[in-house]
Amino acid sequence: MATTAAPYDALLLCSFGGPNGPDDVIPFLKNVTRGKNIPEDRLAEVGTHYGRFGGKSPINEQNLELLAALRAELDDRGIDLPVIWGNRNWHPYTVDALRDAAAFGAKRILVLVTSAYASYSGSRQYREHLAAARAELGEGAPRVDILRPFFNDPGFVDANADAIRDAGEMLAGGLDGAHVVYVTHSIPDTMQDASEATGPGYREQHEDVRESIDARLADGGAAVDSSLAYCSRSGDPRVPWLEPDVNDHIEALAGRGVERIVIAPIGFVSDHMEVAFDLDVEAMDTAAECGVAAARAATVGVRPGFVSGLVDLVVERAARERGEDAARPTVGMLAAFPDEAPPGSCRMRHGEITGIPVIAGEID
């Protein structure tokens, strides 16, 4: 195993961001919804979700834990690669992280986006965001590459399977015979269609992960049924988004006689508010009202296999940039996504050319 990440000078953990306290909530939500004409009263309503958790999101503390875990794994392998952190929507901002890295001499940075799947919001929007950050820094901006989507990386899949097994132990009767409700963030149907333009779409990526995890659970002796559901849809209710909503789905499962479920947030790397509120509060309440025993599986967080898999991805990408023939390990039926995004991939709407600059696939 290589003990170098050359030609990279740093690894940037790039995430969504979240408020650190009550005074941050509305400014943060305004950052997230800028340009979308969301009414103030709607922002205030969403802000009450954060109020139930002390006015902050769990995502920041979990990113700090992931940052520390990545540093420890790199150190254990003898790889000298600083790890920095920047967010799209709240402090510390990506542009500031890149500016500081450049000031300390970094010329080339590899980015780990905390989204495992390829879609507009999970990949292209970060490519736009990083391009804008580099443009703001101007001539001295470091070169930036992005790790490929890692939904079918063995470390990610295995960590999710382990989390589901752990959750199953909290159910009377265990995991065997339970129904696993895999959950991810819903997106508009138009964004789903656009995600399919140059490769397997957002929904198909999740279905591949679902099948891979089911196989692992079966190998461990747990016979489960499973399904994919969605959470956190927003915006105009007349616009179609991916369904079923997790709450509607739990009600439907109860109507079919399902008595025990594990809610598995495979669409999230850490506990966003979509997990803390939409699943731990709303979905669990729905299950209780329907008489369904439910346990929520943890996000992959800093499980050792997941962190080790991420560092494997860093080593793999660095080797290819040095001209070496580095394998792209995957599980499931889908191939590894390319390092550089294909032209036209993951637009907000298929065929819609916005002219917004992107990186990691600039020929667009």
Protein backbone atom coordinates (compact mmCIF):
# COMPACT_ATOMS: atom_id res chain seq x y z
CA MET A 1 0.00 0.00 0.00
CA ALA A 2 1.35 3.40 -0.99
CA THR A 3 2.47 5.73 1.78
CA THR A 4 2.25 8.90 -0.25
CA ALA A 5 -0.57 11.10 -1.47
CA ALA A 6 1.62 12.97 -3.96
CA PRO A 7 0.88 15.06 -5.98
CA TYR A 8 -1.60 16.38 -3.40
CA ASP A 9 -0.62 18.87 -0.72
CA ALA A 10 -3.84 18.64 1.32
CA LEU A 11 -7.19 16.86 1.59
CA LEU A 12 -10.22 19.16 1.87
CA LEU A 13 -13.30 17.81 3.63
CA CYS A 14 -16.05 19.78 1.90
CA SER A 15 -19.50 19.63 3.46
CA PHE A 16 -22.89 21.30 3.56
CA GLY A 17 -22.46 23.14 6.84
CA GLY A 18 -24.94 23.90 9.59
CA PRO A 19 -25.67 26.41 12.38
CA ASN A 20 -23.60 26.27 15.56
CA GLY A 21 -26.16 28.05 17.73
CA PRO A 22 -29.59 29.74 17.71
CA ASP A 23 -28.30 33.04 16.29
CA ASP A 24 -26.91 31.18 13.27
CA VAL A 25 -30.10 29.41 12.22
CA ILE A 26 -31.88 32.02 10.07
CA PRO A 27 -28.67 33.38 8.46
CA PHE A 28 -27.70 29.79 7.65
CA LEU A 29 -31.10 29.02 6.12
CA LYS A 30 -30.89 32.20 4.05
CA ASN A 31 -27.53 30.99 2.71
CA VAL A 32 -29.01 27.62 1.80
CA THR A 33 -32.07 29.09 0.07
CA ARG A 34 -30.48 32.13 -1.58
CA GLY A 35 -32.09 32.83 -4.95
CA LYS A 36 -35.03 30.48 -4.33
CA ASN A 37 -37.53 33.11 -3.09
CA ILE A 38 -38.41 31.17 0.05
CA PRO A 39 -40.75 33.24 2.30
CA GLU A 40 -39.42 34.39 5.67
CA ASP A 41 -42.22 32.58 7.51
CA ARG A 42 -41.17 29.29 5.89
CA LEU A 43 -37.58 29.83 7.03
CA ALA A 44 -38.84 30.52 10.55
CA GLU A 45 -40.88 27.29 10.45
CA VAL A 46 -37.84 25.24 9.41
CA GLY A 47 -35.81 27.06 12.05
CA THR A 48 -38.02 25.57 14.77
CA HIS A 49 -36.60 22.14 13.87
CA TYR A 50 -33.18 23.35 14.98
CA GLY A 51 -34.73 24.74 18.16
CA ARG A 52 -35.50 21.21 19.29
CA PHE A 53 -31.74 20.52 19.21
CA GLY A 54 -30.44 23.60 20.98
CA GLY A 55 -30.41 25.73 17.83
CA LYS A 56 -27.60 23.82 16.13
CA SER A 57 -27.06 21.03 13.66
CA PRO A 58 -25.18 17.85 14.60
CA ILE A 59 -23.34 17.95 11.27
CA ASN A 60 -20.51 20.25 12.40
CA GLU A 61 -19.45 18.17 15.38
CA GLN A 62 -19.62 15.04 13.27
CA ASN A 63 -17.48 16.65 10.57
CA LEU A 64 -14.89 17.47 13.22
CA GLU A 65 -14.94 13.81 14.28
CA LEU A 66 -14.50 12.71 10.67
CA LEU A 67 -11.68 15.20 10.22
CA ALA A 68 -9.87 13.73 13.23
CA ALA A 69 -10.52 10.16 12.08
CA LEU A 70 -9.13 10.86 8.61
CA ARG A 71 -6.01 12.43 10.10
CA ALA A 72 -5.51 9.44 12.38
CA GLU A 73 -5.93 6.94 9.53
CA LEU A 74 -3.48 8.86 7.33
CA ASP A 75 -0.99 9.04 10.21
CA ASP A 76 -1.34 5.30 10.89
CA ARG A 77 -0.40 4.63 7.27
CA GLY A 78 2.51 7.03 7.36
CA ILE A 79 0.91 9.34 4.77
CA ASP A 80 1.85 12.97 5.24
CA LEU A 81 -1.27 14.80 4.06
CA PRO A 82 -2.87 17.69 5.98
CA VAL A 83 -6.67 17.51 6.26
CA ILE A 84 -8.67 20.74 6.19
CA TRP A 85 -12.39 21.52 6.34
CA GLY A 86 -14.67 23.91 4.48
CA ASN A 87 -18.45 24.23 4.01
CA ARG A 88 -20.78 25.48 1.30
CA ASN A 89 -23.25 27.22 3.59
CA TRP A 90 -21.65 28.07 6.95
CA HIS A 91 -18.41 28.59 8.79
CA PRO A 92 -15.75 27.49 8.09
CA TYR A 93 -16.38 28.41 4.47
CA THR A 94 -14.59 26.57 1.68
CA VAL A 95 -13.06 29.71 0.21
CA ASP A 96 -11.42 30.50 3.56
CA ALA A 97 -10.06 26.96 3.88
CA LEU A 98 -8.57 27.15 0.38
CA ARG A 99 -7.15 30.61 1.04
CA ASP A 100 -5.42 29.40 4.21
CA ALA A 101 -4.09 26.30 2.44
CA ALA A 102 -2.67 28.43 -0.37
CA ALA A 103 -1.03 30.75 2.17
CA PHE A 104 0.79 27.73 3.62
CA GLY A 105 2.02 26.69 0.18
CA ALA A 106 -0.58 24.18 -1.02
CA LYS A 107 -0.63 24.04 -4.82
CA ARG A 108 -2.90 21.07 -5.40
CA ILE A 109 -5.76 19.88 -3.20
CA LEU A 110 -7.93 16.78 -3.32
CA VAL A 111 -11.53 17.26 -2.16
CA LEU A 112 -13.69 14.76 -0.34
CA VAL A 113 -17.32 15.86 -0.66
CA THR A 114 -19.49 14.47 2.13
CA SER A 115 -22.06 13.12 -0.30
CA ALA A 116 -21.70 9.57 -1.56
CA TYR A 117 -24.06 9.84 -4.52
CA ALA A 118 -24.06 11.64 -7.87
CA SER A 119 -26.85 14.16 -8.49
CA TYR A 120 -27.05 17.91 -8.87
CA SER A 121 -27.24 18.64 -5.15
CA GLY A 122 -24.78 15.90 -4.19
CA SER A 123 -22.08 16.45 -6.78
CA ARG A 124 -22.49 19.11 -9.48
CA GLN A 125 -23.50 21.82 -7.00
CA TYR A 126 -20.24 21.18 -5.13
CA ARG A 127 -18.35 21.38 -8.43
CA GLU A 128 -19.95 24.79 -9.01
CA HIS A 129 -19.22 25.82 -5.43
CA LEU A 130 -15.54 24.90 -5.64
CA ALA A 131 -15.18 26.62 -9.01
CA ALA A 132 -16.64 29.80 -7.48
CA ALA A 133 -14.26 29.57 -4.50
CA ARG A 134 -11.25 29.27 -6.81
CA ALA A 135 -12.49 32.19 -8.90
CA GLU A 136 -12.78 34.32 -5.77
CA LEU A 137 -9.19 33.53 -4.83
CA GLY A 138 -7.98 34.37 -8.31
CA GLU A 139 -4.52 33.68 -9.65
CA GLY A 140 -3.12 32.18 -6.45
CA ALA A 141 -5.88 29.60 -6.06
CA PRO A 142 -4.66 26.01 -5.70
CA ARG A 143 -5.66 23.42 -8.27
CA VAL A 144 -8.57 21.32 -7.00
CA ASP A 145 -9.58 17.73 -7.82
CA ILE A 146 -12.58 15.87 -6.40
CA LEU A 147 -12.86 12.23 -5.29
CA ARG A 148 -15.32 10.20 -7.33
CA PRO A 149 -18.78 9.39 -5.85
CA PHE A 150 -18.26 6.59 -3.36
CA PHE A 151 -21.74 5.10 -2.87
CA ASN A 152 -20.52 1.67 -4.00
CA ASP A 153 -17.19 1.76 -2.20
CA PRO A 154 -16.83 -1.38 -0.05
CA GLY A 155 -16.07 0.63 3.08
CA PHE A 156 -19.25 2.71 2.76
CA VAL A 157 -21.49 -0.27 2.04
CA ASP A 158 -20.00 -2.44 4.78
CA ALA A 159 -20.26 0.36 7.37
CA ASN A 160 -23.94 0.82 6.55
CA ALA A 161 -24.53 -2.93 6.84
CA ASP A 162 -22.83 -2.95 10.25
CA ALA A 163 -24.97 -0.01 11.41
CA ILE A 164 -28.14 -1.86 10.38
CA ARG A 165 -27.04 -4.98 12.24
CA ASP A 166 -26.44 -2.87 15.36
CA ALA A 167 -29.88 -1.28 15.04
CA GLY A 168 -31.46 -4.70 14.61
CA GLU A 169 -30.17 -5.68 18.04
CA MET A 170 -32.41 -2.98 19.50
CA LEU A 171 -35.54 -4.66 18.12
CA ALA A 172 -37.33 -7.38 20.05
CA GLY A 173 -36.70 -10.45 17.96
CA GLY A 174 -33.64 -8.95 16.31
CA LEU A 175 -33.02 -8.08 12.70
CA ASP A 176 -34.06 -11.41 11.18
CA GLY A 177 -37.52 -11.02 9.67
CA ALA A 178 -37.60 -7.23 10.03
CA HIS A 179 -38.14 -4.79 7.16
CA VAL A 180 -35.30 -2.38 6.40
CA VAL A 181 -36.47 1.03 5.20
CA TYR A 182 -33.52 2.60 3.43
CA VAL A 183 -33.86 6.38 3.42
CA THR A 184 -32.28 9.18 1.42
CA HIS A 185 -32.98 12.84 0.67
CA SER A 186 -35.68 13.26 -1.94
CA ILE A 187 -34.95 15.29 -5.06
CA PRO A 188 -37.22 16.66 -7.81
CA ASP A 189 -38.09 14.22 -10.57
CA THR A 190 -36.39 16.58 -13.05
CA MET A 191 -33.14 16.29 -11.08
CA GLN A 192 -33.49 12.51 -11.04
CA ASP A 193 -33.93 12.53 -14.82
CA ALA A 194 -30.84 14.74 -15.22
CA SER A 195 -28.79 12.41 -13.02
CA GLU A 196 -29.47 9.59 -15.51
CA ALA A 197 -28.16 11.49 -18.54
CA THR A 198 -24.58 10.22 -18.39
CA GLY A 199 -24.74 7.19 -16.11
CA PRO A 200 -26.79 5.41 -13.45
CA GLY A 201 -29.17 7.88 -11.82
CA TYR A 202 -29.54 8.94 -8.22
CA ARG A 203 -32.34 6.47 -7.47
CA GLU A 204 -30.50 3.63 -9.23
CA GLN A 205 -27.35 4.31 -7.19
CA HIS A 206 -29.35 3.94 -3.97
CA GLU A 207 -31.12 0.80 -5.18
CA ASP A 208 -27.71 -0.72 -5.94
CA VAL A 209 -26.55 0.06 -2.40
CA ARG A 210 -29.79 -1.37 -0.98
CA GLU A 211 -29.26 -4.64 -2.82
CA SER A 212 -25.61 -4.82 -1.81
CA ILE A 213 -26.42 -4.33 1.86
CA ASP A 214 -29.30 -6.83 1.74
CA ALA A 215 -26.86 -9.41 0.38
CA ARG A 216 -24.45 -8.74 3.23
CA LEU A 217 -27.20 -9.04 5.82
CA ALA A 218 -28.32 -12.33 4.29
CA ASP A 219 -24.76 -13.63 4.35
CA GLY A 220 -24.76 -12.86 8.06
CA GLY A 221 -27.89 -14.90 8.59
CA ALA A 222 -30.52 -12.12 8.66
CA ALA A 223 -33.38 -12.58 6.21
CA VAL A 224 -34.89 -9.14 5.65
CA ASP A 225 -37.28 -7.45 3.30
CA SER A 226 -36.33 -3.93 2.28
CA SER A 227 -37.43 -0.87 0.36
CA LEU A 228 -36.23 2.63 -0.49
CA ALA A 229 -38.01 5.75 0.79
CA TYR A 230 -37.28 9.46 0.81
CA CYS A 231 -37.32 12.33 3.26
CA SER A 232 -37.02 16.10 3.40
CA ARG A 233 -38.78 17.15 0.21
CA SER A 234 -39.32 20.91 0.05
CA GLY A 235 -40.46 23.68 -2.27
CA ASP A 236 -43.60 23.94 -4.38
CA PRO A 237 -45.87 20.99 -3.52
CA ARG A 238 -47.02 20.93 -7.16
CA VAL A 239 -43.52 19.92 -8.32
CA PRO A 240 -43.06 16.11 -8.37
CA TRP A 241 -40.27 14.75 -6.16
CA LEU A 242 -39.07 11.20 -5.66
CA GLU A 243 -41.45 9.13 -3.56
CA PRO A 244 -42.55 7.45 -1.35
CA ASP A 245 -42.11 9.80 1.57
CA VAL A 246 -40.77 7.82 4.51
CA ASN A 247 -43.76 8.61 6.72
CA ASP A 248 -46.29 7.58 4.08
CA HIS A 249 -44.21 4.48 3.45
CA ILE A 250 -44.17 3.46 7.12
CA GLU A 251 -47.96 3.82 7.21
CA ALA A 252 -48.23 1.63 4.11
CA LEU A 253 -45.94 -1.01 5.60
CA ALA A 254 -48.04 -1.05 8.76
CA GLY A 255 -51.12 -1.57 6.58
CA ARG A 256 -49.42 -4.60 5.06
CA GLY A 257 -48.83 -6.09 8.50
CA VAL A 258 -45.15 -5.20 8.95
CA GLU A 259 -44.43 -5.07 12.69
CA ARG A 260 -40.69 -4.33 12.93
CA ILE A 261 -38.53 -1.97 10.89
CA VAL A 262 -35.03 -0.58 10.82
CA ILE A 263 -34.78 2.93 9.39
CA ALA A 264 -31.41 3.12 7.61
CA PRO A 265 -30.25 6.58 6.43
CA ILE A 266 -27.97 5.38 3.63
CA GLY A 267 -28.28 8.71 1.82
CA PHE A 268 -26.34 10.53 4.55
CA VAL A 269 -22.77 10.28 5.77
CA SER A 270 -23.49 12.01 9.08
CA ASP A 271 -26.48 13.24 11.06
CA HIS A 272 -27.80 16.24 9.16
CA MET A 273 -30.99 17.85 10.45
CA GLU A 274 -32.76 15.65 7.91
CA VAL A 275 -31.72 12.68 10.03
CA ALA A 276 -32.06 14.25 13.47
CA PHE A 277 -35.54 15.69 12.85
CA ASP A 278 -37.06 13.99 9.80
CA LEU A 279 -36.11 10.49 10.95
CA ASP A 280 -35.45 10.54 14.69
CA VAL A 281 -38.53 12.67 15.38
CA GLU A 282 -41.06 12.48 12.57
CA ALA A 283 -40.46 8.99 11.18
CA MET A 284 -40.08 7.41 14.61
CA ASP A 285 -43.29 9.15 15.73
CA THR A 286 -45.07 7.81 12.65
CA ALA A 287 -43.90 4.29 13.41
CA ALA A 288 -45.10 4.56 17.02
CA GLU A 289 -48.50 5.86 15.91
CA CYS A 290 -48.81 2.93 13.50
CA GLY A 291 -47.83 0.37 16.14
CA VAL A 292 -44.61 -0.52 14.32
CA ALA A 293 -41.50 -1.24 16.39
CA ALA A 294 -38.68 0.83 14.88
CA ALA A 295 -34.96 1.33 15.37
CA ARG A 296 -32.91 3.91 13.52
CA ALA A 297 -29.55 2.76 12.19
CA ALA A 298 -26.65 5.16 12.66
CA THR A 299 -25.09 7.00 9.77
CA VAL A 300 -21.64 5.72 8.81
CA GLY A 301 -19.99 8.61 10.67
CA VAL A 302 -16.49 7.55 11.70
CA ARG A 303 -16.86 3.77 11.57
CA PRO A 304 -13.33 2.45 10.97
CA GLY A 305 -14.20 0.62 7.76
CA PHE A 306 -15.75 3.73 6.26
CA VAL A 307 -12.81 5.95 7.20
CA SER A 308 -10.33 3.37 5.94
CA GLY A 309 -12.26 3.17 2.68
CA LEU A 310 -12.11 6.94 2.23
CA VAL A 311 -8.34 6.93 2.67
CA ASP A 312 -8.14 4.06 0.18
CA LEU A 313 -9.95 6.35 -2.28
CA VAL A 314 -7.43 9.12 -1.62
CA VAL A 315 -4.48 6.77 -2.17
CA GLU A 316 -6.13 5.33 -5.30
CA ARG A 317 -6.74 8.76 -6.85
CA ALA A 318 -3.26 10.02 -6.02
CA ALA A 319 -1.74 6.95 -7.68
CA ARG A 320 -3.69 7.59 -10.88
CA GLU A 321 -2.55 11.22 -10.91
CA ARG A 322 1.03 9.94 -10.72
CA GLY A 323 0.36 7.83 -13.81
CA GLU A 324 0.01 4.51 -11.99
CA ASP A 325 -2.62 1.88 -12.79
CA ALA A 326 -4.80 2.01 -9.66
CA ALA A 327 -7.81 -0.28 -9.27
CA ARG A 328 -11.25 1.13 -8.46
CA PRO A 329 -12.80 -1.38 -6.00
CA THR A 330 -16.60 -1.42 -5.88
CA VAL A 331 -19.44 -3.63 -4.71
CA GLY A 332 -22.82 -4.12 -6.36
CA MET A 333 -23.77 -4.09 -10.02
CA LEU A 334 -22.63 -0.59 -10.95
CA ALA A 335 -19.14 0.37 -12.04
CA ALA A 336 -17.05 3.05 -10.34
CA PHE A 337 -17.87 6.56 -11.47
CA PRO A 338 -15.09 8.41 -13.33
CA ASP A 339 -12.74 10.88 -11.64
CA GLU A 340 -13.79 13.62 -14.05
CA ALA A 341 -17.52 14.13 -14.53
CA PRO A 342 -18.74 13.57 -18.11
CA PRO A 343 -20.03 16.58 -20.06
CA GLY A 344 -23.61 17.42 -19.15
CA SER A 345 -23.69 15.23 -16.05
CA CYS A 346 -25.88 15.93 -13.02
CA ARG A 347 -27.44 19.15 -14.19
CA MET A 348 -30.37 20.50 -12.23
CA ARG A 349 -32.51 19.77 -15.28
CA HIS A 350 -31.41 17.64 -18.21
CA GLY A 351 -30.20 19.76 -21.10
CA GLU A 352 -30.37 23.03 -19.17
CA ILE A 353 -27.09 24.90 -19.72
CA THR A 354 -26.69 27.56 -17.04
CA GLY A 355 -23.19 28.71 -17.91
CA ILE A 356 -22.16 28.32 -14.26
CA PRO A 357 -18.49 27.24 -14.19
CA VAL A 358 -17.63 23.83 -12.72
CA ILE A 359 -14.47 21.91 -11.90
CA ALA A 360 -13.62 18.19 -12.08
CA GLY A 361 -15.08 17.94 -15.56
CA GLU A 362 -14.70 21.40 -17.05
CA ILE A 363 -15.56 20.33 -20.63
CA ASP A 364 -19.28 20.76 -20.14
